[in-house]
Structures are given as structure tokens and as C-alpha cells.
Amino acid sequence: MFDSLKWRQRRERRLQNLLNECNAKVDTERKAARTPLERLDPLIRELVEMGDGPGYGNDRARKIGELLNDRGGMGYMQAVYYEVFNWHPITARELQRVWDGIGDWQA
């Protein structure tokens, strides 16, 4: 029984190490895909900066979504979303909800 417990613990450590390696690789790839802040369109930069601070649950984030939709529709909004996602993979999901109903965007 003790051997079985040791085996499970070793297996869990190996799995956790694999998960950590995978997460580190994805994080590195996401960081490499980021456009440098100074090269971003001012509206996109503003969204990225919102992710550092108050988040996207505000009228300004929605207004930016409407402006982006006017510029290039759903395809442009998706490209902007993925740029923001590369900077803030967790809080970018909030942006999806804020943009719900703008043009063809659906959360």
C-alpha cells in the first residue's frame, strides 16, 4: 500500500511538471506574439492598458468595440481581441462579454 502511495505521488509530480512545462511554453509563445505597445493602434493600446488596471467592465471598452466594428467589422474585432488576449489571457474574456451584441460579436 505504501508503494502504491509513493507511485501515485511520483506520477502526480511528473504530471504537474509536464503541465508546468506546457504552460511555460504557451506563455512564451503568447508573449512572442504580442505587438510591442509603441506599435499598437492607440485604441488597442488603451484596451491593453485597461487590462493592467480597472479591467474591461466599463463604457469606454464597449465604445472602443463599437469603433473597431465600424473600422473593420467582426474580423477586425477578433484580431484586436486576440492581441489583447496575448497581453491578458484571463481578463480578455471579460472583453468578450462587454462587446456582446456589437455588430456580429457574440459572447
PDB file of N, CA and C in Angstrom:
ATOM      1  N   MET A   1       0.821  -1.187   0.000  1.00  0.00           N
ATOM      2  CA  MET A   1       0.000   0.000   0.000  1.00  0.00           C
ATOM      3  C   MET A   1       0.871   1.259   0.000  1.00  0.00           C
ATOM      4  N   PHE A   2       1.928   1.243   0.793  1.00  0.00           N
ATOM      5  CA  PHE A   2       2.832   2.391   0.847  1.00  0.00           C
ATOM      6  C   PHE A   2       3.488   2.619  -0.507  1.00  0.00           C
ATOM      7  N   ASP A   3       3.867   1.510  -1.193  1.00  0.00           N
ATOM      8  CA  ASP A   3       4.466   1.625  -2.527  1.00  0.00           C
ATOM      9  C   ASP A   3       3.475   2.248  -3.510  1.00  0.00           C
ATOM     10  N   SER A   4       2.216   1.887  -3.380  1.00  0.00           N
ATOM     11  CA  SER A   4       1.187   2.431  -4.248  1.00  0.00           C
ATOM     12  C   SER A   4       1.040   3.939  -4.033  1.00  0.00           C
ATOM     13  N   LEU A   5       1.121   4.390  -2.809  1.00  0.00           N
ATOM     14  CA  LEU A   5       1.030   5.809  -2.494  1.00  0.00           C
ATOM     15  C   LEU A   5       2.231   6.555  -3.061  1.00  0.00           C
ATOM     16  N   LYS A   6       3.418   5.979  -2.887  1.00  0.00           N
ATOM     17  CA  LYS A   6       4.626   6.600  -3.438  1.00  0.00           C
ATOM     18  C   LYS A   6       4.537   6.699  -4.953  1.00  0.00           C
ATOM     19  N   TRP A   7       4.041   5.645  -5.586  1.00  0.00           N
ATOM     20  CA  TRP A   7       3.911   5.634  -7.038  1.00  0.00           C
ATOM     21  C   TRP A   7       2.951   6.737  -7.502  1.00  0.00           C
ATOM     22  N   ARG A   8       1.816   6.866  -6.814  1.00  0.00           N
ATOM     23  CA  ARG A   8       0.846   7.911  -7.171  1.00  0.00           C
ATOM     24  C   ARG A   8       1.431   9.301  -6.979  1.00  0.00           C
ATOM     25  N   GLN A   9       2.180   9.492  -5.912  1.00  0.00           N
ATOM     26  CA  GLN A   9       2.793  10.799  -5.661  1.00  0.00           C
ATOM     27  C   GLN A   9       3.818  11.133  -6.739  1.00  0.00           C
ATOM     28  N   ARG A  10       4.641  10.156  -7.139  1.00  0.00           N
ATOM     29  CA  ARG A  10       5.609  10.379  -8.210  1.00  0.00           C
ATOM     30  C   ARG A  10       4.901  10.691  -9.513  1.00  0.00           C
ATOM     31  N   ARG A  11       3.839   9.968  -9.785  1.00  0.00           N
ATOM     32  CA  ARG A  11       3.055  10.202 -11.015  1.00  0.00           C
ATOM     33  C   ARG A  11       2.460  11.606 -11.006  1.00  0.00           C
ATOM     34  N   GLU A  12       1.905  12.022  -9.878  1.00  0.00           N
ATOM     35  CA  GLU A  12       1.321  13.359  -9.775  1.00  0.00           C
ATOM     36  C   GLU A  12       2.385  14.442  -9.964  1.00  0.00           C
ATOM     37  N   ARG A  13       3.585  14.228  -9.407  1.00  0.00           N
ATOM     38  CA  ARG A  13       4.677  15.196  -9.594  1.00  0.00           C
ATOM     39  C   ARG A  13       5.087  15.283 -11.056  1.00  0.00           C
ATOM     40  N   ARG A  14       5.196  14.126 -11.725  1.00  0.00           N
ATOM     41  CA  ARG A  14       5.547  14.125 -13.148  1.00  0.00           C
ATOM     42  C   ARG A  14       4.485  14.846 -13.976  1.00  0.00           C
ATOM     43  N   LEU A  15       3.227  14.577 -13.679  1.00  0.00           N
ATOM     44  CA  LEU A  15       2.147  15.246 -14.402  1.00  0.00           C
ATOM     45  C   LEU A  15       2.156  16.744 -14.145  1.00  0.00           C
ATOM     46  N   GLN A  16       2.401  17.137 -12.912  1.00  0.00           N
ATOM     47  CA  GLN A  16       2.457  18.565 -12.586  1.00  0.00           C
ATOM     48  C   GLN A  16       3.630  19.230 -13.294  1.00  0.00           C
ATOM     49  N   ASN A  17       4.772  18.555 -13.355  1.00  0.00           N
ATOM     50  CA  ASN A  17       5.928  19.095 -14.071  1.00  0.00           C
ATOM     51  C   ASN A  17       5.633  19.255 -15.557  1.00  0.00           C
ATOM     52  N   LEU A  18       4.955  18.277 -16.158  1.00  0.00           N
ATOM     53  CA  LEU A  18       4.578  18.371 -17.566  1.00  0.00           C
ATOM     54  C   LEU A  18       3.618  19.534 -17.795  1.00  0.00           C
ATOM     55  N   LEU A  19       2.667  19.688 -16.902  1.00  0.00           N
ATOM     56  CA  LEU A  19       1.719  20.789 -17.011  1.00  0.00           C
ATOM     57  C   LEU A  19       2.435  22.130 -16.887  1.00  0.00           C
ATOM     58  N   ASN A  20       3.362  22.237 -15.957  1.00  0.00           N
ATOM     59  CA  ASN A  20       4.123  23.482 -15.794  1.00  0.00           C
ATOM     60  C   ASN A  20       4.955  23.789 -17.036  1.00  0.00           C
ATOM     61  N   GLU A  21       5.577  22.768 -17.621  1.00  0.00           N
ATOM     62  CA  GLU A  21       6.365  22.965 -18.846  1.00  0.00           C
ATOM     63  C   GLU A  21       5.477  23.431 -19.997  1.00  0.00           C
ATOM     64  N   CYS A  22       4.317  22.809 -20.116  1.00  0.00           N
ATOM     65  CA  CYS A  22       3.379  23.174 -21.185  1.00  0.00           C
ATOM     66  C   CYS A  22       2.899  24.616 -21.005  1.00  0.00           C
ATOM     67  N   ASN A  23       2.541  24.983 -19.779  1.00  0.00           N
ATOM     68  CA  ASN A  23       2.089  26.349 -19.508  1.00  0.00           C
ATOM     69  C   ASN A  23       3.187  27.365 -19.790  1.00  0.00           C
ATOM     70  N   ALA A  24       4.407  27.024 -19.443  1.00  0.00           N
ATOM     71  CA  ALA A  24       5.528  27.937 -19.700  1.00  0.00           C
ATOM     72  C   ALA A  24       5.736  28.120 -21.204  1.00  0.00           C
ATOM     73  N   LYS A  25       5.592  27.040 -21.965  1.00  0.00           N
ATOM     74  CA  LYS A  25       5.758  27.125 -23.414  1.00  0.00           C
ATOM     75  C   LYS A  25       4.663  28.000 -24.028  1.00  0.00           C
ATOM     76  N   VAL A  26       3.428  27.796 -23.616  1.00  0.00           N
ATOM     77  CA  VAL A  26       2.312  28.592 -24.137  1.00  0.00           C
ATOM     78  C   VAL A  26       2.500  30.056 -23.775  1.00  0.00           C
ATOM     79  N   ASP A  27       2.921  30.317 -22.544  1.00  0.00           N
ATOM     80  CA  ASP A  27       3.141  31.698 -22.101  1.00  0.00           C
ATOM     81  C   ASP A  27       4.239  32.362 -22.935  1.00  0.00           C
ATOM     82  N   THR A  28       5.306  31.639 -23.210  1.00  0.00           N
ATOM     83  CA  THR A  28       6.403  32.166 -24.029  1.00  0.00           C
ATOM     84  C   THR A  28       5.920  32.474 -25.451  1.00  0.00           C
ATOM     85  N   GLU A  29       5.139  31.565 -26.017  1.00  0.00           N
ATOM     86  CA  GLU A  29       4.618  31.783 -27.370  1.00  0.00           C
ATOM     87  C   GLU A  29       3.669  32.980 -27.415  1.00  0.00           C
ATOM     88  N   ARG A  30       2.835  33.116 -26.380  1.00  0.00           N
ATOM     89  CA  ARG A  30       1.898  34.234 -26.330  1.00  0.00           C
ATOM     90  C   ARG A  30       2.652  35.559 -26.213  1.00  0.00           C
ATOM     91  N   LYS A  31       3.680  35.598 -25.388  1.00  0.00           N
ATOM     92  CA  LYS A  31       4.478  36.816 -25.241  1.00  0.00           C
ATOM     93  C   LYS A  31       5.192  37.165 -26.540  1.00  0.00           C
ATOM     94  N   ALA A  32       5.655  36.154 -27.262  1.00  0.00           N
ATOM     95  CA  ALA A  32       6.341  36.400 -28.532  1.00  0.00           C
ATOM     96  C   ALA A  32       5.381  36.937 -29.594  1.00  0.00           C
ATOM     97  N   ALA A  33       4.097  36.594 -29.462  1.00  0.00           N
ATOM     98  CA  ALA A  33       3.101  37.031 -30.446  1.00  0.00           C
ATOM     99  C   ALA A  33       2.592  38.450 -30.194  1.00  0.00           C
ATOM    100  N   ARG A  34       2.937  39.015 -29.051  1.00  0.00           N
ATOM    101  CA  ARG A  34       2.480  40.370 -28.739  1.00  0.00           C
ATOM    102  C   ARG A  34       3.101  41.400 -29.672  1.00  0.00           C
ATOM    103  N   THR A  35       2.282  42.366 -30.078  1.00  0.00           N
ATOM    104  CA  THR A  35       2.810  43.524 -30.787  1.00  0.00           C
ATOM    105  C   THR A  35       3.332  44.485 -29.726  1.00  0.00           C
ATOM    106  N   PRO A  36       4.524  45.041 -29.893  1.00  0.00           N
ATOM    107  CA  PRO A  36       5.029  45.995 -28.892  1.00  0.00           C
ATOM    108  C   PRO A  36       4.037  47.151 -28.694  1.00  0.00           C
ATOM    109  N   LEU A  37       3.899  47.584 -27.461  1.00  0.00           N
ATOM    110  CA  LEU A  37       2.926  48.637 -27.134  1.00  0.00           C
ATOM    111  C   LEU A  37       3.072  49.871 -28.012  1.00  0.00           C
ATOM    112  N   GLU A  38       4.299  50.280 -28.270  1.00  0.00           N
ATOM    113  CA  GLU A  38       4.512  51.510 -29.040  1.00  0.00           C
ATOM    114  C   GLU A  38       4.054  51.378 -30.492  1.00  0.00           C
ATOM    115  N   ARG A  39       3.868  50.145 -30.971  1.00  0.00           N
ATOM    116  CA  ARG A  39       3.418  49.940 -32.353  1.00  0.00           C
ATOM    117  C   ARG A  39       1.916  49.705 -32.460  1.00  0.00           C
ATOM    118  N   LEU A  40       1.253  49.592 -31.335  1.00  0.00           N
ATOM    119  CA  LEU A  40      -0.182  49.340 -31.350  1.00  0.00           C
ATOM    120  C   LEU A  40      -0.968  50.592 -31.700  1.00  0.00           C
ATOM    121  N   ASP A  41      -2.083  50.404 -32.374  1.00  0.00           N
ATOM    122  CA  ASP A  41      -3.052  51.472 -32.599  1.00  0.00           C
ATOM    123  C   ASP A  41      -3.445  52.025 -31.220  1.00  0.00           C
ATOM    124  N   PRO A  42      -3.662  53.326 -31.099  1.00  0.00           N
ATOM    125  CA  PRO A  42      -3.987  53.907 -29.786  1.00  0.00           C
ATOM    126  C   PRO A  42      -5.199  53.274 -29.100  1.00  0.00           C
ATOM    127  N   LEU A  43      -6.222  52.890 -29.857  1.00  0.00           N
ATOM    128  CA  LEU A  43      -7.391  52.258 -29.242  1.00  0.00           C
ATOM    129  C   LEU A  43      -7.042  50.878 -28.684  1.00  0.00           C
ATOM    130  N   ILE A  44      -6.237  50.140 -29.421  1.00  0.00           N
ATOM    131  CA  ILE A  44      -5.838  48.807 -28.961  1.00  0.00           C
ATOM    132  C   ILE A  44      -4.921  48.933 -27.744  1.00  0.00           C
ATOM    133  N   ARG A  45      -4.021  49.892 -27.793  1.00  0.00           N
ATOM    134  CA  ARG A  45      -3.142  50.136 -26.644  1.00  0.00           C
ATOM    135  C   ARG A  45      -3.981  50.470 -25.406  1.00  0.00           C
ATOM    136  N   GLU A  46      -5.021  51.257 -25.593  1.00  0.00           N
ATOM    137  CA  GLU A  46      -5.892  51.613 -24.465  1.00  0.00           C
ATOM    138  C   GLU A  46      -6.548  50.365 -23.875  1.00  0.00           C
ATOM    139  N   LEU A  47      -6.977  49.439 -24.737  1.00  0.00           N
ATOM    140  CA  LEU A  47      -7.558  48.188 -24.238  1.00  0.00           C
ATOM    141  C   LEU A  47      -6.532  47.367 -23.473  1.00  0.00           C
ATOM    142  N   VAL A  48      -5.316  47.289 -24.014  1.00  0.00           N
ATOM    143  CA  VAL A  48      -4.257  46.545 -23.322  1.00  0.00           C
ATOM    144  C   VAL A  48      -3.989  47.170 -21.955  1.00  0.00           C
ATOM    145  N   GLU A  49      -3.952  48.486 -21.903  1.00  0.00           N
ATOM    146  CA  GLU A  49      -3.696  49.168 -20.633  1.00  0.00           C
ATOM    147  C   GLU A  49      -4.855  48.998 -19.658  1.00  0.00           C
ATOM    148  N   MET A  50      -6.093  48.901 -20.163  1.00  0.00           N
ATOM    149  CA  MET A  50      -7.232  48.625 -19.282  1.00  0.00           C
ATOM    150  C   MET A  50      -7.055  47.282 -18.582  1.00  0.00           C
ATOM    151  N   GLY A  51      -6.472  46.328 -19.289  1.00  0.00           N
ATOM    152  CA  GLY A  51      -6.246  45.008 -18.696  1.00  0.00           C
ATOM    153  C   GLY A  51      -5.261  45.045 -17.545  1.00  0.00           C
ATOM    154  N   ASP A  52      -4.378  46.043 -17.542  1.00  0.00           N
ATOM    155  CA  ASP A  52      -3.437  46.210 -16.424  1.00  0.00           C
ATOM    156  C   ASP A  52      -4.109  46.848 -15.219  1.00  0.00           C
ATOM    157  N   GLY A  53      -5.193  47.562 -15.447  1.00  0.00           N
ATOM    158  CA  GLY A  53      -5.811  48.333 -14.375  1.00  0.00           C
ATOM    159  C   GLY A  53      -7.215  47.893 -14.055  1.00  0.00           C
ATOM    160  N   PRO A  54      -8.181  48.753 -14.390  1.00  0.00           N
ATOM    161  CA  PRO A  54      -9.544  48.529 -13.929  1.00  0.00           C
ATOM    162  C   PRO A  54     -10.289  47.393 -14.627  1.00  0.00           C
ATOM    163  N   GLY A  55      -9.774  46.891 -15.713  1.00  0.00           N
ATOM    164  CA  GLY A  55     -10.482  45.851 -16.449  1.00  0.00           C
ATOM    165  C   GLY A  55     -11.369  46.446 -17.524  1.00  0.00           C
ATOM    166  N   TYR A  56     -12.234  45.611 -18.074  1.00  0.00           N
ATOM    167  CA  TYR A  56     -12.996  45.992 -19.250  1.00  0.00           C
ATOM    168  C   TYR A  56     -14.471  46.262 -18.969  1.00  0.00           C
ATOM    169  N   GLY A  57     -14.886  46.143 -17.742  1.00  0.00           N
ATOM    170  CA  GLY A  57     -16.296  46.342 -17.413  1.00  0.00           C
ATOM    171  C   GLY A  57     -16.668  47.808 -17.335  1.00  0.00           C
ATOM    172  N   ASN A  58     -16.462  48.540 -18.418  1.00  0.00           N
ATOM    173  CA  ASN A  58     -16.791  49.967 -18.414  1.00  0.00           C
ATOM    174  C   ASN A  58     -17.297  50.385 -19.789  1.00  0.00           C
ATOM    175  N   ASP A  59     -17.890  51.568 -19.840  1.00  0.00           N
ATOM    176  CA  ASP A  59     -18.465  52.068 -21.089  1.00  0.00           C
ATOM    177  C   ASP A  59     -17.392  52.323 -22.147  1.00  0.00           C
ATOM    178  N   ARG A  60     -16.202  52.714 -21.724  1.00  0.00           N
ATOM    179  CA  ARG A  60     -15.137  53.029 -22.690  1.00  0.00           C
ATOM    180  C   ARG A  60     -14.740  51.780 -23.482  1.00  0.00           C
ATOM    181  N   ALA A  61     -14.636  50.639 -22.838  1.00  0.00           N
ATOM    182  CA  ALA A  61     -14.279  49.401 -23.537  1.00  0.00           C
ATOM    183  C   ALA A  61     -15.345  49.061 -24.579  1.00  0.00           C
ATOM    184  N   ARG A  62     -16.593  49.264 -24.229  1.00  0.00           N
ATOM    185  CA  ARG A  62     -17.674  48.999 -25.191  1.00  0.00           C
ATOM    186  C   ARG A  62     -17.602  49.984 -26.358  1.00  0.00           C
ATOM    187  N   LYS A  63     -17.361  51.259 -26.063  1.00  0.00           N
ATOM    188  CA  LYS A  63     -17.256  52.277 -27.107  1.00  0.00           C
ATOM    189  C   LYS A  63     -16.107  51.952 -28.068  1.00  0.00           C
ATOM    190  N   ILE A  64     -14.979  51.498 -27.522  1.00  0.00           N
ATOM    191  CA  ILE A  64     -13.854  51.103 -28.376  1.00  0.00           C
ATOM    192  C   ILE A  64     -14.277  49.944 -29.275  1.00  0.00           C
ATOM    193  N   GLY A  65     -15.020  48.983 -28.734  1.00  0.00           N
ATOM    194  CA  GLY A  65     -15.519  47.880 -29.545  1.00  0.00           C
ATOM    195  C   GLY A  65     -16.390  48.365 -30.691  1.00  0.00           C
ATOM    196  N   GLU A  66     -17.236  49.343 -30.422  1.00  0.00           N
ATOM    197  CA  GLU A  66     -18.090  49.899 -31.480  1.00  0.00           C
ATOM    198  C   GLU A  66     -17.251  50.590 -32.554  1.00  0.00           C
ATOM    199  N   LEU A  67     -16.231  51.325 -32.123  1.00  0.00           N
ATOM    200  CA  LEU A  67     -15.342  51.985 -33.085  1.00  0.00           C
ATOM    201  C   LEU A  67     -14.581  50.968 -33.931  1.00  0.00           C
ATOM    202  N   LEU A  68     -14.117  49.901 -33.299  1.00  0.00           N
ATOM    203  CA  LEU A  68     -13.395  48.857 -34.032  1.00  0.00           C
ATOM    204  C   LEU A  68     -14.321  48.162 -35.031  1.00  0.00           C
ATOM    205  N   ASN A  69     -15.560  47.928 -34.614  1.00  0.00           N
ATOM    206  CA  ASN A  69     -16.534  47.319 -35.520  1.00  0.00           C
ATOM    207  C   ASN A  69     -16.776  48.221 -36.732  1.00  0.00           C
ATOM    208  N   ASP A  70     -16.869  49.527 -36.499  1.00  0.00           N
ATOM    209  CA  ASP A  70     -17.054  50.471 -37.599  1.00  0.00           C
ATOM    210  C   ASP A  70     -15.855  50.458 -38.549  1.00  0.00           C
ATOM    211  N   ARG A  71     -14.675  50.267 -38.000  1.00  0.00           N
ATOM    212  CA  ARG A  71     -13.455  50.250 -38.815  1.00  0.00           C
ATOM    213  C   ARG A  71     -13.337  49.016 -39.684  1.00  0.00           C
ATOM    214  N   GLY A  72     -13.671  47.862 -39.097  1.00  0.00           N
ATOM    215  CA  GLY A  72     -13.389  46.642 -39.857  1.00  0.00           C
ATOM    216  C   GLY A  72     -14.286  45.462 -39.571  1.00  0.00           C
ATOM    217  N   GLY A  73     -15.342  45.680 -38.826  1.00  0.00           N
ATOM    218  CA  GLY A  73     -16.291  44.602 -38.571  1.00  0.00           C
ATOM    219  C   GLY A  73     -15.750  43.522 -37.641  1.00  0.00           C
ATOM    220  N   MET A  74     -16.410  42.393 -37.733  1.00  0.00           N
ATOM    221  CA  MET A  74     -16.123  41.270 -36.846  1.00  0.00           C
ATOM    222  C   MET A  74     -14.682  40.783 -36.959  1.00  0.00           C
ATOM    223  N   GLY A  75     -14.161  40.688 -38.166  1.00  0.00           N
ATOM    224  CA  GLY A  75     -12.787  40.209 -38.360  1.00  0.00           C
ATOM    225  C   GLY A  75     -11.771  41.087 -37.659  1.00  0.00           C
ATOM    226  N   TYR A  76     -11.969  42.380 -37.742  1.00  0.00           N
ATOM    227  CA  TYR A  76     -11.047  43.318 -37.085  1.00  0.00           C
ATOM    228  C   TYR A  76     -11.171  43.219 -35.575  1.00  0.00           C
ATOM    229  N   MET A  77     -12.412  43.106 -35.096  1.00  0.00           N
ATOM    230  CA  MET A  77     -12.610  42.956 -33.648  1.00  0.00           C
ATOM    231  C   MET A  77     -11.946  41.686 -33.134  1.00  0.00           C
ATOM    232  N   GLN A  78     -12.038  40.604 -33.903  1.00  0.00           N
ATOM    233  CA  GLN A  78     -11.401  39.351 -33.488  1.00  0.00           C
ATOM    234  C   GLN A  78      -9.886  39.505 -33.416  1.00  0.00           C
ATOM    235  N   ALA A  79      -9.309  40.157 -34.416  1.00  0.00           N
ATOM    236  CA  ALA A  79      -7.854  40.369 -34.418  1.00  0.00           C
ATOM    237  C   ALA A  79      -7.436  41.187 -33.199  1.00  0.00           C
ATOM    238  N   VAL A  80      -8.210  42.207 -32.880  1.00  0.00           N
ATOM    239  CA  VAL A  80      -7.912  43.040 -31.703  1.00  0.00           C
ATOM    240  C   VAL A  80      -8.064  42.212 -30.433  1.00  0.00           C
ATOM    241  N   TYR A  81      -9.125  41.412 -30.357  1.00  0.00           N
ATOM    242  CA  TYR A  81      -9.332  40.572 -29.175  1.00  0.00           C
ATOM    243  C   TYR A  81      -8.132  39.656 -28.949  1.00  0.00           C
ATOM    244  N   TYR A  82      -7.637  39.019 -30.021  1.00  0.00           N
ATOM    245  CA  TYR A  82      -6.507  38.111 -29.852  1.00  0.00           C
ATOM    246  C   TYR A  82      -5.227  38.853 -29.472  1.00  0.00           C
ATOM    247  N   GLU A  83      -5.087  40.072 -29.922  1.00  0.00           N
ATOM    248  CA  GLU A  83      -3.942  40.876 -29.481  1.00  0.00           C
ATOM    249  C   GLU A  83      -4.059  41.151 -27.985  1.00  0.00           C
ATOM    250  N   VAL A  84      -5.241  41.553 -27.543  1.00  0.00           N
ATOM    251  CA  VAL A  84      -5.458  41.799 -26.110  1.00  0.00           C
ATOM    252  C   VAL A  84      -5.264  40.510 -25.323  1.00  0.00           C
ATOM    253  N   PHE A  85      -5.744  39.383 -25.872  1.00  0.00           N
ATOM    254  CA  PHE A  85      -5.590  38.092 -25.221  1.00  0.00           C
ATOM    255  C   PHE A  85      -4.117  37.739 -25.021  1.00  0.00           C
ATOM    256  N   ASN A  86      -3.274  38.078 -25.986  1.00  0.00           N
ATOM    257  CA  ASN A  86      -1.837  37.802 -25.832  1.00  0.00           C
ATOM    258  C   ASN A  86      -1.248  38.585 -24.664  1.00  0.00           C
ATOM    259  N   TRP A  87      -1.811  39.711 -24.348  1.00  0.00           N
ATOM    260  CA  TRP A  87      -1.336  40.523 -23.225  1.00  0.00           C
ATOM    261  C   TRP A  87      -1.990  40.097 -21.915  1.00  0.00           C
ATOM    262  N   HIS A  88      -3.282  39.784 -21.968  1.00  0.00           N
ATOM    263  CA  HIS A  88      -4.047  39.485 -20.741  1.00  0.00           C
ATOM    264  C   HIS A  88      -4.990  38.306 -20.978  1.00  0.00           C
ATOM    265  N   PRO A  89      -4.476  37.083 -20.967  1.00  0.00           N
ATOM    266  CA  PRO A  89      -5.303  35.924 -21.327  1.00  0.00           C
ATOM    267  C   PRO A  89      -6.497  35.684 -20.407  1.00  0.00           C
ATOM    268  N   ILE A  90      -6.423  36.111 -19.181  1.00  0.00           N
ATOM    269  CA  ILE A  90      -7.534  35.862 -18.263  1.00  0.00           C
ATOM    270  C   ILE A  90      -8.579  36.971 -18.359  1.00  0.00           C
ATOM    271  N   THR A  91      -8.150  38.219 -18.251  1.00  0.00           N
ATOM    272  CA  THR A  91      -9.115  39.322 -18.240  1.00  0.00           C
ATOM    273  C   THR A  91      -9.685  39.608 -19.629  1.00  0.00           C
ATOM    274  N   ALA A  92      -9.043  39.132 -20.688  1.00  0.00           N
ATOM    275  CA  ALA A  92      -9.571  39.360 -22.041  1.00  0.00           C
ATOM    276  C   ALA A  92     -10.947  38.730 -22.195  1.00  0.00           C
ATOM    277  N   ARG A  93     -11.222  37.696 -21.443  1.00  0.00           N
ATOM    278  CA  ARG A  93     -12.537  37.058 -21.534  1.00  0.00           C
ATOM    279  C   ARG A  93     -13.645  38.015 -21.111  1.00  0.00           C
ATOM    280  N   GLU A  94     -13.322  38.916 -20.209  1.00  0.00           N
ATOM    281  CA  GLU A  94     -14.287  39.940 -19.805  1.00  0.00           C
ATOM    282  C   GLU A  94     -14.630  40.839 -20.997  1.00  0.00           C
ATOM    283  N   LEU A  95     -13.654  41.099 -21.838  1.00  0.00           N
ATOM    284  CA  LEU A  95     -13.870  41.922 -23.024  1.00  0.00           C
ATOM    285  C   LEU A  95     -14.883  41.271 -23.965  1.00  0.00           C
ATOM    286  N   GLN A  96     -14.843  39.961 -24.065  1.00  0.00           N
ATOM    287  CA  GLN A  96     -15.830  39.258 -24.886  1.00  0.00           C
ATOM    288  C   GLN A  96     -17.245  39.598 -24.445  1.00  0.00           C
ATOM    289  N   ARG A  97     -17.482  39.579 -23.156  1.00  0.00           N
ATOM    290  CA  ARG A  97     -18.823  39.866 -22.626  1.00  0.00           C
ATOM    291  C   ARG A  97     -19.204  41.322 -22.848  1.00  0.00           C
ATOM    292  N   VAL A  98     -18.249  42.232 -22.665  1.00  0.00           N
ATOM    293  CA  VAL A  98     -18.528  43.657 -22.842  1.00  0.00           C
ATOM    294  C   VAL A  98     -18.908  43.957 -24.289  1.00  0.00           C
ATOM    295  N   TRP A  99     -18.274  43.265 -25.232  1.00  0.00           N
ATOM    296  CA  TRP A  99     -18.527  43.506 -26.656  1.00  0.00           C
ATOM    297  C   TRP A  99     -19.746  42.754 -27.182  1.00  0.00           C
ATOM    298  N   ASP A 100     -20.390  41.960 -26.357  1.00  0.00           N
ATOM    299  CA  ASP A 100     -21.541  41.176 -26.803  1.00  0.00           C
ATOM    300  C   ASP A 100     -22.588  42.092 -27.440  1.00  0.00           C
ATOM    301  N   GLY A 101     -23.009  41.730 -28.650  1.00  0.00           N
ATOM    302  CA  GLY A 101     -24.034  42.495 -29.338  1.00  0.00           C
ATOM    303  C   GLY A 101     -23.527  43.620 -30.220  1.00  0.00           C
ATOM    304  N   ILE A 102     -22.232  43.860 -30.222  1.00  0.00           N
ATOM    305  CA  ILE A 102     -21.673  44.878 -31.123  1.00  0.00           C
ATOM    306  C   ILE A 102     -21.465  44.209 -32.480  1.00  0.00           C
ATOM    307  N   GLY A 103     -22.123  44.724 -33.491  1.00  0.00           N
ATOM    308  CA  GLY A 103     -22.031  44.103 -34.810  1.00  0.00           C
ATOM    309  C   GLY A 103     -22.434  42.637 -34.711  1.00  0.00           C
ATOM    310  N   ASP A 104     -21.583  41.746 -35.230  1.00  0.00           N
ATOM    311  CA  ASP A 104     -21.846  40.313 -35.182  1.00  0.00           C
ATOM    312  C   ASP A 104     -21.211  39.635 -33.975  1.00  0.00           C
ATOM    313  N   TRP A 105     -20.625  40.384 -33.083  1.00  0.00           N
ATOM    314  CA  TRP A 105     -19.924  39.804 -31.923  1.00  0.00           C
ATOM    315  C   TRP A 105     -20.918  39.181 -30.976  1.00  0.00           C
ATOM    316  N   GLN A 106     -20.621  37.942 -30.575  1.00  0.00           N
ATOM    317  CA  GLN A 106     -21.445  37.226 -29.588  1.00  0.00           C
ATOM    318  C   GLN A 106     -20.528  36.648 -28.541  1.00  0.00           C
ATOM    319  N   ALA A 107     -20.867  36.866 -27.291  1.00  0.00           N
ATOM    320  CA  ALA A 107     -20.055  36.344 -26.193  1.00  0.00           C
ATOM    321  C   ALA A 107     -20.286  34.867 -26.013  1.00  0.00           C
TER     322      ALA A 107
END
